[in-house]
């Protein structure tokens, strides 16, 4: 994560950090400007897993609508290529979801 944070601007890469047990894995990484959300302690609150999945699904739908309205871009990569080539578009960072204790998911 640190290597990605050093080599990628927060305008092009964001993190969602998910830890099922305690959150110690991501200590201080929530301070990175790339970090959009930190979701922890899901082990004892399984209903929050459904909320997390719903939130990620909602973000995917929001991004699809944004791509469509912005010029019917096929994906985030095409959108960002157009933006960096000078199209008047707001940044749309890639969203990397990182899960500690993936087997719990």
PDB file of N, CA and C in Angstrom:
ATOM      1  N   UNK A   1       0.812  -1.186   0.000  1.00  0.00           N
ATOM      2  CA  UNK A   1       0.000   0.000   0.000  1.00  0.00           C
ATOM      3  C   UNK A   1       0.856   1.251   0.000  1.00  0.00           C
ATOM      4  N   UNK A   2       1.902   1.225   0.796  1.00  0.00           N
ATOM      5  CA  UNK A   2       2.760   2.411   0.848  1.00  0.00           C
ATOM      6  C   UNK A   2       3.431   2.671  -0.498  1.00  0.00           C
ATOM      7  N   UNK A   3       3.855   1.598  -1.167  1.00  0.00           N
ATOM      8  CA  UNK A   3       4.468   1.779  -2.486  1.00  0.00           C
ATOM      9  C   UNK A   3       3.459   2.379  -3.459  1.00  0.00           C
ATOM     10  N   UNK A   4       2.219   1.924  -3.417  1.00  0.00           N
ATOM     11  CA  UNK A   4       1.178   2.493  -4.275  1.00  0.00           C
ATOM     12  C   UNK A   4       0.920   3.948  -3.919  1.00  0.00           C
ATOM     13  N   UNK A   5       0.884   4.254  -2.630  1.00  0.00           N
ATOM     14  CA  UNK A   5       0.643   5.626  -2.195  1.00  0.00           C
ATOM     15  C   UNK A   5       1.769   6.565  -2.624  1.00  0.00           C
ATOM     16  N   UNK A   6       2.985   6.070  -2.604  1.00  0.00           N
ATOM     17  CA  UNK A   6       4.130   6.895  -3.002  1.00  0.00           C
ATOM     18  C   UNK A   6       4.137   7.141  -4.511  1.00  0.00           C
ATOM     19  N   UNK A   7       3.706   6.148  -5.273  1.00  0.00           N
ATOM     20  CA  UNK A   7       3.810   6.240  -6.729  1.00  0.00           C
ATOM     21  C   UNK A   7       2.530   6.689  -7.428  1.00  0.00           C
ATOM     22  N   UNK A   8       1.433   6.849  -6.675  1.00  0.00           N
ATOM     23  CA  UNK A   8       0.162   7.244  -7.275  1.00  0.00           C
ATOM     24  C   UNK A   8      -0.476   8.389  -6.480  1.00  0.00           C
ATOM     25  N   UNK A   9      -0.885   9.407  -7.175  1.00  0.00           N
ATOM     26  CA  UNK A   9      -1.555  10.550  -6.568  1.00  0.00           C
ATOM     27  C   UNK A   9      -2.941  10.121  -6.066  1.00  0.00           C
ATOM     28  N   UNK A  10      -3.416  10.698  -4.952  1.00  0.00           N
ATOM     29  CA  UNK A  10      -4.755  10.370  -4.467  1.00  0.00           C
ATOM     30  C   UNK A  10      -5.858  10.733  -5.477  1.00  0.00           C
ATOM     31  N   UNK A  11      -5.551  11.591  -6.426  1.00  0.00           N
ATOM     32  CA  UNK A  11      -6.545  11.902  -7.463  1.00  0.00           C
ATOM     33  C   UNK A  11      -6.767  10.728  -8.411  1.00  0.00           C
ATOM     34  N   UNK A  12      -5.820   9.780  -8.432  1.00  0.00           N
ATOM     35  CA  UNK A  12      -5.993   8.646  -9.345  1.00  0.00           C
ATOM     36  C   UNK A  12      -6.125   7.304  -8.625  1.00  0.00           C
ATOM     37  N   UNK A  13      -5.887   7.271  -7.293  1.00  0.00           N
ATOM     38  CA  UNK A  13      -6.009   6.013  -6.553  1.00  0.00           C
ATOM     39  C   UNK A  13      -6.500   6.277  -5.138  1.00  0.00           C
ATOM     40  N   UNK A  14      -7.562   5.577  -4.742  1.00  0.00           N
ATOM     41  CA  UNK A  14      -8.090   5.627  -3.374  1.00  0.00           C
ATOM     42  C   UNK A  14      -8.167   4.218  -2.816  1.00  0.00           C
ATOM     43  N   UNK A  15      -8.082   4.123  -1.480  1.00  0.00           N
ATOM     44  CA  UNK A  15      -8.153   2.848  -0.785  1.00  0.00           C
ATOM     45  C   UNK A  15      -9.406   2.782   0.084  1.00  0.00           C
ATOM     46  N   UNK A  16     -10.015   1.611   0.147  1.00  0.00           N
ATOM     47  CA  UNK A  16     -10.988   1.274   1.183  1.00  0.00           C
ATOM     48  C   UNK A  16     -10.369   0.114   1.950  1.00  0.00           C
ATOM     49  N   UNK A  17     -10.114   0.337   3.227  1.00  0.00           N
ATOM     50  CA  UNK A  17      -9.426  -0.648   4.056  1.00  0.00           C
ATOM     51  C   UNK A  17     -10.447  -1.379   4.917  1.00  0.00           C
ATOM     52  N   UNK A  18     -10.444  -2.708   4.840  1.00  0.00           N
ATOM     53  CA  UNK A  18     -11.415  -3.514   5.567  1.00  0.00           C
ATOM     54  C   UNK A  18     -10.681  -4.553   6.401  1.00  0.00           C
ATOM     55  N   UNK A  19     -10.950  -4.538   7.704  1.00  0.00           N
ATOM     56  CA  UNK A  19     -10.309  -5.482   8.621  1.00  0.00           C
ATOM     57  C   UNK A  19     -11.395  -6.105   9.488  1.00  0.00           C
ATOM     58  N   UNK A  20     -11.533  -7.410   9.418  1.00  0.00           N
ATOM     59  CA  UNK A  20     -12.585  -8.089  10.157  1.00  0.00           C
ATOM     60  C   UNK A  20     -12.307  -8.197  11.645  1.00  0.00           C
ATOM     61  N   UNK A  21     -11.046  -8.064  12.044  1.00  0.00           N
ATOM     62  CA  UNK A  21     -10.707  -8.277  13.454  1.00  0.00           C
ATOM     63  C   UNK A  21      -9.870  -7.128  13.989  1.00  0.00           C
ATOM     64  N   UNK A  22     -10.506  -6.166  14.555  1.00  0.00           N
ATOM     65  CA  UNK A  22      -9.815  -5.153  15.337  1.00  0.00           C
ATOM     66  C   UNK A  22      -9.291  -3.938  14.615  1.00  0.00           C
ATOM     67  N   UNK A  23      -8.788  -4.063  13.435  1.00  0.00           N
ATOM     68  CA  UNK A  23      -8.300  -2.913  12.700  1.00  0.00           C
ATOM     69  C   UNK A  23      -6.836  -2.596  12.876  1.00  0.00           C
ATOM     70  N   UNK A  24      -6.101  -3.400  13.636  1.00  0.00           N
ATOM     71  CA  UNK A  24      -4.694  -3.108  13.898  1.00  0.00           C
ATOM     72  C   UNK A  24      -3.839  -3.177  12.629  1.00  0.00           C
ATOM     73  N   UNK A  25      -4.262  -3.966  11.668  1.00  0.00           N
ATOM     74  CA  UNK A  25      -3.486  -4.127  10.438  1.00  0.00           C
ATOM     75  C   UNK A  25      -3.261  -2.798   9.738  1.00  0.00           C
ATOM     76  N   UNK A  26      -4.252  -1.932   9.783  1.00  0.00           N
ATOM     77  CA  UNK A  26      -4.185  -0.689   9.029  1.00  0.00           C
ATOM     78  C   UNK A  26      -3.865   0.526   9.904  1.00  0.00           C
ATOM     79  N   UNK A  27      -3.279   0.275  11.079  1.00  0.00           N
ATOM     80  CA  UNK A  27      -2.925   1.369  11.971  1.00  0.00           C
ATOM     81  C   UNK A  27      -2.107   2.424  11.227  1.00  0.00           C
ATOM     82  N   UNK A  28      -2.547   3.626  11.303  1.00  0.00           N
ATOM     83  CA  UNK A  28      -1.931   4.821  10.717  1.00  0.00           C
ATOM     84  C   UNK A  28      -2.091   4.921   9.200  1.00  0.00           C
ATOM     85  N   UNK A  29      -2.470   3.848   8.529  1.00  0.00           N
ATOM     86  CA  UNK A  29      -2.673   3.933   7.081  1.00  0.00           C
ATOM     87  C   UNK A  29      -3.924   4.727   6.744  1.00  0.00           C
ATOM     88  N   UNK A  30      -4.799   4.903   7.733  1.00  0.00           N
ATOM     89  CA  UNK A  30      -5.986   5.726   7.515  1.00  0.00           C
ATOM     90  C   UNK A  30      -5.623   7.198   7.363  1.00  0.00           C
ATOM     91  N   UNK A  31      -4.402   7.546   7.718  1.00  0.00           N
ATOM     92  CA  UNK A  31      -3.940   8.932   7.582  1.00  0.00           C
ATOM     93  C   UNK A  31      -3.510   9.269   6.157  1.00  0.00           C
ATOM     94  N   UNK A  32      -3.310   8.248   5.332  1.00  0.00           N
ATOM     95  CA  UNK A  32      -2.930   8.503   3.940  1.00  0.00           C
ATOM     96  C   UNK A  32      -4.045   9.270   3.233  1.00  0.00           C
ATOM     97  N   UNK A  33      -3.708  10.235   2.404  1.00  0.00           N
ATOM     98  CA  UNK A  33      -4.751  10.960   1.677  1.00  0.00           C
ATOM     99  C   UNK A  33      -5.497  10.062   0.691  1.00  0.00           C
ATOM    100  N   UNK A  34      -4.957   8.907   0.413  1.00  0.00           N
ATOM    101  CA  UNK A  34      -5.573   7.951  -0.504  1.00  0.00           C
ATOM    102  C   UNK A  34      -6.726   7.175   0.147  1.00  0.00           C
ATOM    103  N   UNK A  35      -6.770   7.153   1.474  1.00  0.00           N
ATOM    104  CA  UNK A  35      -7.730   6.320   2.181  1.00  0.00           C
ATOM    105  C   UNK A  35      -9.097   6.985   2.237  1.00  0.00           C
ATOM    106  N   UNK A  36     -10.068   6.347   1.586  1.00  0.00           N
ATOM    107  CA  UNK A  36     -11.441   6.856   1.560  1.00  0.00           C
ATOM    108  C   UNK A  36     -12.247   6.362   2.745  1.00  0.00           C
ATOM    109  N   UNK A  37     -11.978   5.132   3.181  1.00  0.00           N
ATOM    110  CA  UNK A  37     -12.745   4.559   4.288  1.00  0.00           C
ATOM    111  C   UNK A  37     -11.941   3.464   4.959  1.00  0.00           C
ATOM    112  N   UNK A  38     -12.179   3.313   6.259  1.00  0.00           N
ATOM    113  CA  UNK A  38     -11.623   2.203   7.034  1.00  0.00           C
ATOM    114  C   UNK A  38     -12.797   1.520   7.710  1.00  0.00           C
ATOM    115  N   UNK A  39     -12.959   0.244   7.437  1.00  0.00           N
ATOM    116  CA  UNK A  39     -14.062  -0.532   7.993  1.00  0.00           C
ATOM    117  C   UNK A  39     -13.447  -1.627   8.847  1.00  0.00           C
ATOM    118  N   UNK A  40     -13.764  -1.626  10.158  1.00  0.00           N
ATOM    119  CA  UNK A  40     -13.135  -2.580  11.075  1.00  0.00           C
ATOM    120  C   UNK A  40     -14.171  -3.262  11.957  1.00  0.00           C
ATOM    121  N   UNK A  41     -13.690  -4.268  12.680  1.00  0.00           N
ATOM    122  CA  UNK A  41     -14.492  -4.996  13.664  1.00  0.00           C
ATOM    123  C   UNK A  41     -15.764  -5.596  13.077  1.00  0.00           C
ATOM    124  N   UNK A  42     -15.651  -6.164  11.903  1.00  0.00           N
ATOM    125  CA  UNK A  42     -16.815  -6.762  11.258  1.00  0.00           C
ATOM    126  C   UNK A  42     -17.113  -8.165  11.780  1.00  0.00           C
ATOM    127  N   UNK A  43     -16.144  -8.775  12.431  1.00  0.00           N
ATOM    128  CA  UNK A  43     -16.296 -10.152  12.902  1.00  0.00           C
ATOM    129  C   UNK A  43     -17.531 -10.320  13.795  1.00  0.00           C
ATOM    130  N   UNK A  44     -17.745  -9.375  14.693  1.00  0.00           N
ATOM    131  CA  UNK A  44     -18.852  -9.482  15.640  1.00  0.00           C
ATOM    132  C   UNK A  44     -20.123  -8.780  15.161  1.00  0.00           C
ATOM    133  N   UNK A  45     -20.062  -8.089  14.042  1.00  0.00           N
ATOM    134  CA  UNK A  45     -21.218  -7.343  13.543  1.00  0.00           C
ATOM    135  C   UNK A  45     -21.424  -7.674  12.077  1.00  0.00           C
ATOM    136  N   UNK A  46     -21.895  -8.885  11.830  1.00  0.00           N
ATOM    137  CA  UNK A  46     -22.008  -9.373  10.462  1.00  0.00           C
ATOM    138  C   UNK A  46     -22.972  -8.551   9.607  1.00  0.00           C
ATOM    139  N   UNK A  47     -23.932  -7.874  10.218  1.00  0.00           N
ATOM    140  CA  UNK A  47     -24.822  -7.028   9.419  1.00  0.00           C
ATOM    141  C   UNK A  47     -24.056  -5.888   8.750  1.00  0.00           C
ATOM    142  N   UNK A  48     -22.930  -5.516   9.335  1.00  0.00           N
ATOM    143  CA  UNK A  48     -22.114  -4.456   8.727  1.00  0.00           C
ATOM    144  C   UNK A  48     -21.449  -4.932   7.439  1.00  0.00           C
ATOM    145  N   UNK A  49     -21.221  -6.244   7.315  1.00  0.00           N
ATOM    146  CA  UNK A  49     -20.656  -6.783   6.073  1.00  0.00           C
ATOM    147  C   UNK A  49     -21.624  -6.533   4.930  1.00  0.00           C
ATOM    148  N   UNK A  50     -22.906  -6.778   5.177  1.00  0.00           N
ATOM    149  CA  UNK A  50     -23.916  -6.503   4.151  1.00  0.00           C
ATOM    150  C   UNK A  50     -23.944  -5.021   3.807  1.00  0.00           C
ATOM    151  N   UNK A  51     -23.834  -4.166   4.807  1.00  0.00           N
ATOM    152  CA  UNK A  51     -23.815  -2.721   4.545  1.00  0.00           C
ATOM    153  C   UNK A  51     -22.588  -2.332   3.727  1.00  0.00           C
ATOM    154  N   UNK A  52     -21.447  -2.958   4.049  1.00  0.00           N
ATOM    155  CA  UNK A  52     -20.227  -2.664   3.301  1.00  0.00           C
ATOM    156  C   UNK A  52     -20.405  -3.069   1.838  1.00  0.00           C
ATOM    157  N   UNK A  53     -20.928  -4.275   1.611  1.00  0.00           N
ATOM    158  CA  UNK A  53     -21.136  -4.738   0.237  1.00  0.00           C
ATOM    159  C   UNK A  53     -22.142  -3.857  -0.493  1.00  0.00           C
ATOM    160  N   UNK A  54     -23.189  -3.427   0.197  1.00  0.00           N
ATOM    161  CA  UNK A  54     -24.169  -2.509  -0.404  1.00  0.00           C
ATOM    162  C   UNK A  54     -23.514  -1.177  -0.764  1.00  0.00           C
ATOM    163  N   UNK A  55     -22.648  -0.683   0.123  1.00  0.00           N
ATOM    164  CA  UNK A  55     -21.974   0.594  -0.137  1.00  0.00           C
ATOM    165  C   UNK A  55     -21.047   0.487  -1.346  1.00  0.00           C
ATOM    166  N   UNK A  56     -20.322  -0.609  -1.456  1.00  0.00           N
ATOM    167  CA  UNK A  56     -19.436  -0.805  -2.607  1.00  0.00           C
ATOM    168  C   UNK A  56     -20.262  -0.936  -3.884  1.00  0.00           C
ATOM    169  N   UNK A  57     -21.357  -1.679  -3.815  1.00  0.00           N
ATOM    170  CA  UNK A  57     -22.248  -1.788  -4.972  1.00  0.00           C
ATOM    171  C   UNK A  57     -22.817  -0.441  -5.370  1.00  0.00           C
ATOM    172  N   UNK A  58     -23.197   0.367  -4.387  1.00  0.00           N
ATOM    173  CA  UNK A  58     -23.695   1.709  -4.657  1.00  0.00           C
ATOM    174  C   UNK A  58     -22.646   2.589  -5.310  1.00  0.00           C
ATOM    175  N   UNK A  59     -21.413   2.453  -4.856  1.00  0.00           N
ATOM    176  CA  UNK A  59     -20.317   3.232  -5.458  1.00  0.00           C
ATOM    177  C   UNK A  59     -20.087   2.805  -6.894  1.00  0.00           C
ATOM    178  N   UNK A  60     -20.180   1.524  -7.174  1.00  0.00           N
ATOM    179  CA  UNK A  60     -20.034   1.048  -8.558  1.00  0.00           C
ATOM    180  C   UNK A  60     -21.130   1.628  -9.449  1.00  0.00           C
ATOM    181  N   UNK A  61     -22.354   1.631  -8.958  1.00  0.00           N
ATOM    182  CA  UNK A  61     -23.463   2.199  -9.734  1.00  0.00           C
ATOM    183  C   UNK A  61     -23.269   3.697  -9.952  1.00  0.00           C
ATOM    184  N   UNK A  62     -22.826   4.407  -8.905  1.00  0.00           N
ATOM    185  CA  UNK A  62     -22.577   5.849  -9.018  1.00  0.00           C
ATOM    186  C   UNK A  62     -21.526   6.127 -10.085  1.00  0.00           C
ATOM    187  N   UNK A  63     -20.467   5.328 -10.078  1.00  0.00           N
ATOM    188  CA  UNK A  63     -19.403   5.512 -11.053  1.00  0.00           C
ATOM    189  C   UNK A  63     -19.872   5.192 -12.476  1.00  0.00           C
ATOM    190  N   UNK A  64     -20.680   4.162 -12.636  1.00  0.00           N
ATOM    191  CA  UNK A  64     -21.204   3.830 -13.962  1.00  0.00           C
ATOM    192  C   UNK A  64     -22.057   4.973 -14.492  1.00  0.00           C
ATOM    193  N   UNK A  65     -22.874   5.560 -13.641  1.00  0.00           N
ATOM    194  CA  UNK A  65     -23.714   6.685 -14.057  1.00  0.00           C
ATOM    195  C   UNK A  65     -22.855   7.903 -14.405  1.00  0.00           C
ATOM    196  N   UNK A  66     -21.837   8.147 -13.602  1.00  0.00           N
ATOM    197  CA  UNK A  66     -20.926   9.262 -13.874  1.00  0.00           C
ATOM    198  C   UNK A  66     -20.243   9.073 -15.229  1.00  0.00           C
ATOM    199  N   UNK A  67     -19.754   7.861 -15.493  1.00  0.00           N
ATOM    200  CA  UNK A  67     -19.096   7.583 -16.775  1.00  0.00           C
ATOM    201  C   UNK A  67     -20.052   7.792 -17.940  1.00  0.00           C
ATOM    202  N   UNK A  68     -21.292   7.375 -17.765  1.00  0.00           N
ATOM    203  CA  UNK A  68     -22.282   7.540 -18.819  1.00  0.00           C
ATOM    204  C   UNK A  68     -22.566   9.015 -19.083  1.00  0.00           C
ATOM    205  N   UNK A  69     -22.802   9.769 -18.023  1.00  0.00           N
ATOM    206  CA  UNK A  69     -23.128  11.194 -18.169  1.00  0.00           C
ATOM    207  C   UNK A  69     -21.952  12.013 -18.683  1.00  0.00           C
ATOM    208  N   UNK A  70     -20.741  11.609 -18.355  1.00  0.00           N
ATOM    209  CA  UNK A  70     -19.550  12.374 -18.742  1.00  0.00           C
ATOM    210  C   UNK A  70     -19.197  12.208 -20.218  1.00  0.00           C
ATOM    211  N   UNK A  71     -19.792  11.245 -20.883  1.00  0.00           N
ATOM    212  CA  UNK A  71     -19.465  11.032 -22.290  1.00  0.00           C
ATOM    213  C   UNK A  71     -19.539   9.588 -22.697  1.00  0.00           C
ATOM    214  N   UNK A  72     -20.231   8.814 -21.896  1.00  0.00           N
ATOM    215  CA  UNK A  72     -20.411   7.394 -22.173  1.00  0.00           C
ATOM    216  C   UNK A  72     -19.078   6.649 -22.253  1.00  0.00           C
ATOM    217  N   UNK A  73     -18.203   6.924 -21.293  1.00  0.00           N
ATOM    218  CA  UNK A  73     -16.916   6.234 -21.226  1.00  0.00           C
ATOM    219  C   UNK A  73     -17.138   4.782 -20.832  1.00  0.00           C
ATOM    220  N   UNK A  74     -16.371   3.881 -21.419  1.00  0.00           N
ATOM    221  CA  UNK A  74     -16.526   2.453 -21.157  1.00  0.00           C
ATOM    222  C   UNK A  74     -16.070   2.084 -19.747  1.00  0.00           C
ATOM    223  N   UNK A  75     -15.079   2.811 -19.236  1.00  0.00           N
ATOM    224  CA  UNK A  75     -14.539   2.480 -17.918  1.00  0.00           C
ATOM    225  C   UNK A  75     -13.756   3.655 -17.346  1.00  0.00           C
ATOM    226  N   UNK A  76     -13.312   3.493 -16.128  1.00  0.00           N
ATOM    227  CA  UNK A  76     -12.585   4.549 -15.422  1.00  0.00           C
ATOM    228  C   UNK A  76     -11.277   4.874 -16.120  1.00  0.00           C
ATOM    229  N   UNK A  77     -10.634   3.895 -16.694  1.00  0.00           N
ATOM    230  CA  UNK A  77      -9.362   4.113 -17.379  1.00  0.00           C
ATOM    231  C   UNK A  77      -9.540   5.037 -18.588  1.00  0.00           C
ATOM    232  N   UNK A  78     -10.572   4.786 -19.395  1.00  0.00           N
ATOM    233  CA  UNK A  78     -10.845   5.658 -20.542  1.00  0.00           C
ATOM    234  C   UNK A  78     -11.184   7.074 -20.088  1.00  0.00           C
ATOM    235  N   UNK A  79     -11.950   7.177 -19.023  1.00  0.00           N
ATOM    236  CA  UNK A  79     -12.307   8.475 -18.445  1.00  0.00           C
ATOM    237  C   UNK A  79     -11.046   9.234 -18.033  1.00  0.00           C
ATOM    238  N   UNK A  80     -10.164   8.567 -17.310  1.00  0.00           N
ATOM    239  CA  UNK A  80      -8.935   9.221 -16.839  1.00  0.00           C
ATOM    240  C   UNK A  80      -8.008   9.581 -17.995  1.00  0.00           C
ATOM    241  N   UNK A  81      -7.959   8.754 -19.030  1.00  0.00           N
ATOM    242  CA  UNK A  81      -7.153   9.102 -20.213  1.00  0.00           C
ATOM    243  C   UNK A  81      -7.667  10.379 -20.836  1.00  0.00           C
ATOM    244  N   UNK A  82      -8.980  10.490 -20.961  1.00  0.00           N
ATOM    245  CA  UNK A  82      -9.576  11.701 -21.528  1.00  0.00           C
ATOM    246  C   UNK A  82      -9.290  12.903 -20.638  1.00  0.00           C
ATOM    247  N   UNK A  83      -9.397  12.715 -19.329  1.00  0.00           N
ATOM    248  CA  UNK A  83      -9.146  13.819 -18.383  1.00  0.00           C
ATOM    249  C   UNK A  83      -7.710  14.302 -18.473  1.00  0.00           C
ATOM    250  N   UNK A  84      -6.761  13.368 -18.497  1.00  0.00           N
ATOM    251  CA  UNK A  84      -5.357  13.772 -18.554  1.00  0.00           C
ATOM    252  C   UNK A  84      -4.986  14.352 -19.917  1.00  0.00           C
ATOM    253  N   UNK A  85      -5.786  14.037 -20.934  1.00  0.00           N
ATOM    254  CA  UNK A  85      -5.557  14.616 -22.268  1.00  0.00           C
ATOM    255  C   UNK A  85      -6.185  16.001 -22.400  1.00  0.00           C
ATOM    256  N   UNK A  86      -6.865  16.464 -21.337  1.00  0.00           N
ATOM    257  CA  UNK A  86      -7.395  17.818 -21.360  1.00  0.00           C
ATOM    258  C   UNK A  86      -8.898  17.957 -21.307  1.00  0.00           C
ATOM    259  N   UNK A  87      -9.622  16.849 -21.319  1.00  0.00           N
ATOM    260  CA  UNK A  87     -11.082  16.941 -21.208  1.00  0.00           C
ATOM    261  C   UNK A  87     -11.439  17.554 -19.851  1.00  0.00           C
ATOM    262  N   UNK A  88     -12.429  18.434 -19.809  1.00  0.00           N
ATOM    263  CA  UNK A  88     -12.796  19.099 -18.551  1.00  0.00           C
ATOM    264  C   UNK A  88     -13.594  18.171 -17.629  1.00  0.00           C
ATOM    265  N   UNK A  89     -12.904  17.216 -17.033  1.00  0.00           N
ATOM    266  CA  UNK A  89     -13.532  16.225 -16.167  1.00  0.00           C
ATOM    267  C   UNK A  89     -12.895  16.259 -14.784  1.00  0.00           C
ATOM    268  N   UNK A  90     -13.699  16.013 -13.768  1.00  0.00           N
ATOM    269  CA  UNK A  90     -13.166  15.893 -12.410  1.00  0.00           C
ATOM    270  C   UNK A  90     -12.421  14.569 -12.279  1.00  0.00           C
ATOM    271  N   UNK A  91     -11.431  14.497 -11.396  1.00  0.00           N
ATOM    272  CA  UNK A  91     -10.730  13.231 -11.190  1.00  0.00           C
ATOM    273  C   UNK A  91     -11.697  12.134 -10.739  1.00  0.00           C
ATOM    274  N   UNK A  92     -11.441  10.932 -11.197  1.00  0.00           N
ATOM    275  CA  UNK A  92     -12.204   9.759 -10.774  1.00  0.00           C
ATOM    276  C   UNK A  92     -11.189   8.675 -10.424  1.00  0.00           C
ATOM    277  N   UNK A  93     -10.713   8.682  -9.168  1.00  0.00           N
ATOM    278  CA  UNK A  93      -9.661   7.738  -8.804  1.00  0.00           C
ATOM    279  C   UNK A  93     -10.128   6.295  -8.852  1.00  0.00           C
ATOM    280  N   UNK A  94      -9.192   5.419  -9.187  1.00  0.00           N
ATOM    281  CA  UNK A  94      -9.451   3.991  -9.063  1.00  0.00           C
ATOM    282  C   UNK A  94      -9.661   3.708  -7.582  1.00  0.00           C
ATOM    283  N   UNK A  95     -10.522   2.755  -7.284  1.00  0.00           N
ATOM    284  CA  UNK A  95     -10.833   2.415  -5.904  1.00  0.00           C
ATOM    285  C   UNK A  95     -10.323   1.009  -5.628  1.00  0.00           C
ATOM    286  N   UNK A  96      -9.349   0.898  -4.743  1.00  0.00           N
ATOM    287  CA  UNK A  96      -8.763  -0.385  -4.377  1.00  0.00           C
ATOM    288  C   UNK A  96      -9.307  -0.788  -3.007  1.00  0.00           C
ATOM    289  N   UNK A  97     -10.045  -1.890  -2.957  1.00  0.00           N
ATOM    290  CA  UNK A  97     -10.596  -2.403  -1.702  1.00  0.00           C
ATOM    291  C   UNK A  97      -9.623  -3.452  -1.179  1.00  0.00           C
ATOM    292  N   UNK A  98      -9.094  -3.208   0.016  1.00  0.00           N
ATOM    293  CA  UNK A  98      -8.104  -4.095   0.619  1.00  0.00           C
ATOM    294  C   UNK A  98      -8.744  -4.744   1.834  1.00  0.00           C
ATOM    295  N   UNK A  99      -8.736  -6.072   1.862  1.00  0.00           N
ATOM    296  CA  UNK A  99      -9.398  -6.819   2.930  1.00  0.00           C
ATOM    297  C   UNK A  99      -8.377  -7.640   3.694  1.00  0.00           C
ATOM    298  N   UNK A 100      -8.269  -7.362   5.006  1.00  0.00           N
ATOM    299  CA  UNK A 100      -7.480  -8.216   5.886  1.00  0.00           C
ATOM    300  C   UNK A 100      -8.433  -9.253   6.449  1.00  0.00           C
ATOM    301  N   UNK A 101      -7.962 -10.474   6.625  1.00  0.00           N
ATOM    302  CA  UNK A 101      -8.808 -11.582   7.048  1.00  0.00           C
ATOM    303  C   UNK A 101      -9.844 -11.895   5.958  1.00  0.00           C
ATOM    304  N   UNK A 102      -9.375 -11.988   4.715  1.00  0.00           N
ATOM    305  CA  UNK A 102     -10.261 -12.232   3.583  1.00  0.00           C
ATOM    306  C   UNK A 102     -11.092 -13.497   3.771  1.00  0.00           C
ATOM    307  N   UNK A 103     -10.537 -14.492   4.415  1.00  0.00           N
ATOM    308  CA  UNK A 103     -11.286 -15.732   4.621  1.00  0.00           C
ATOM    309  C   UNK A 103     -12.550 -15.492   5.445  1.00  0.00           C
ATOM    310  N   UNK A 104     -12.553 -14.459   6.273  1.00  0.00           N
ATOM    311  CA  UNK A 104     -13.741 -14.104   7.052  1.00  0.00           C
ATOM    312  C   UNK A 104     -14.845 -13.552   6.149  1.00  0.00           C
ATOM    313  N   UNK A 105     -14.448 -12.903   5.077  1.00  0.00           N
ATOM    314  CA  UNK A 105     -15.427 -12.352   4.153  1.00  0.00           C
ATOM    315  C   UNK A 105     -16.169 -13.461   3.434  1.00  0.00           C
TER     316      UNK A 105
END
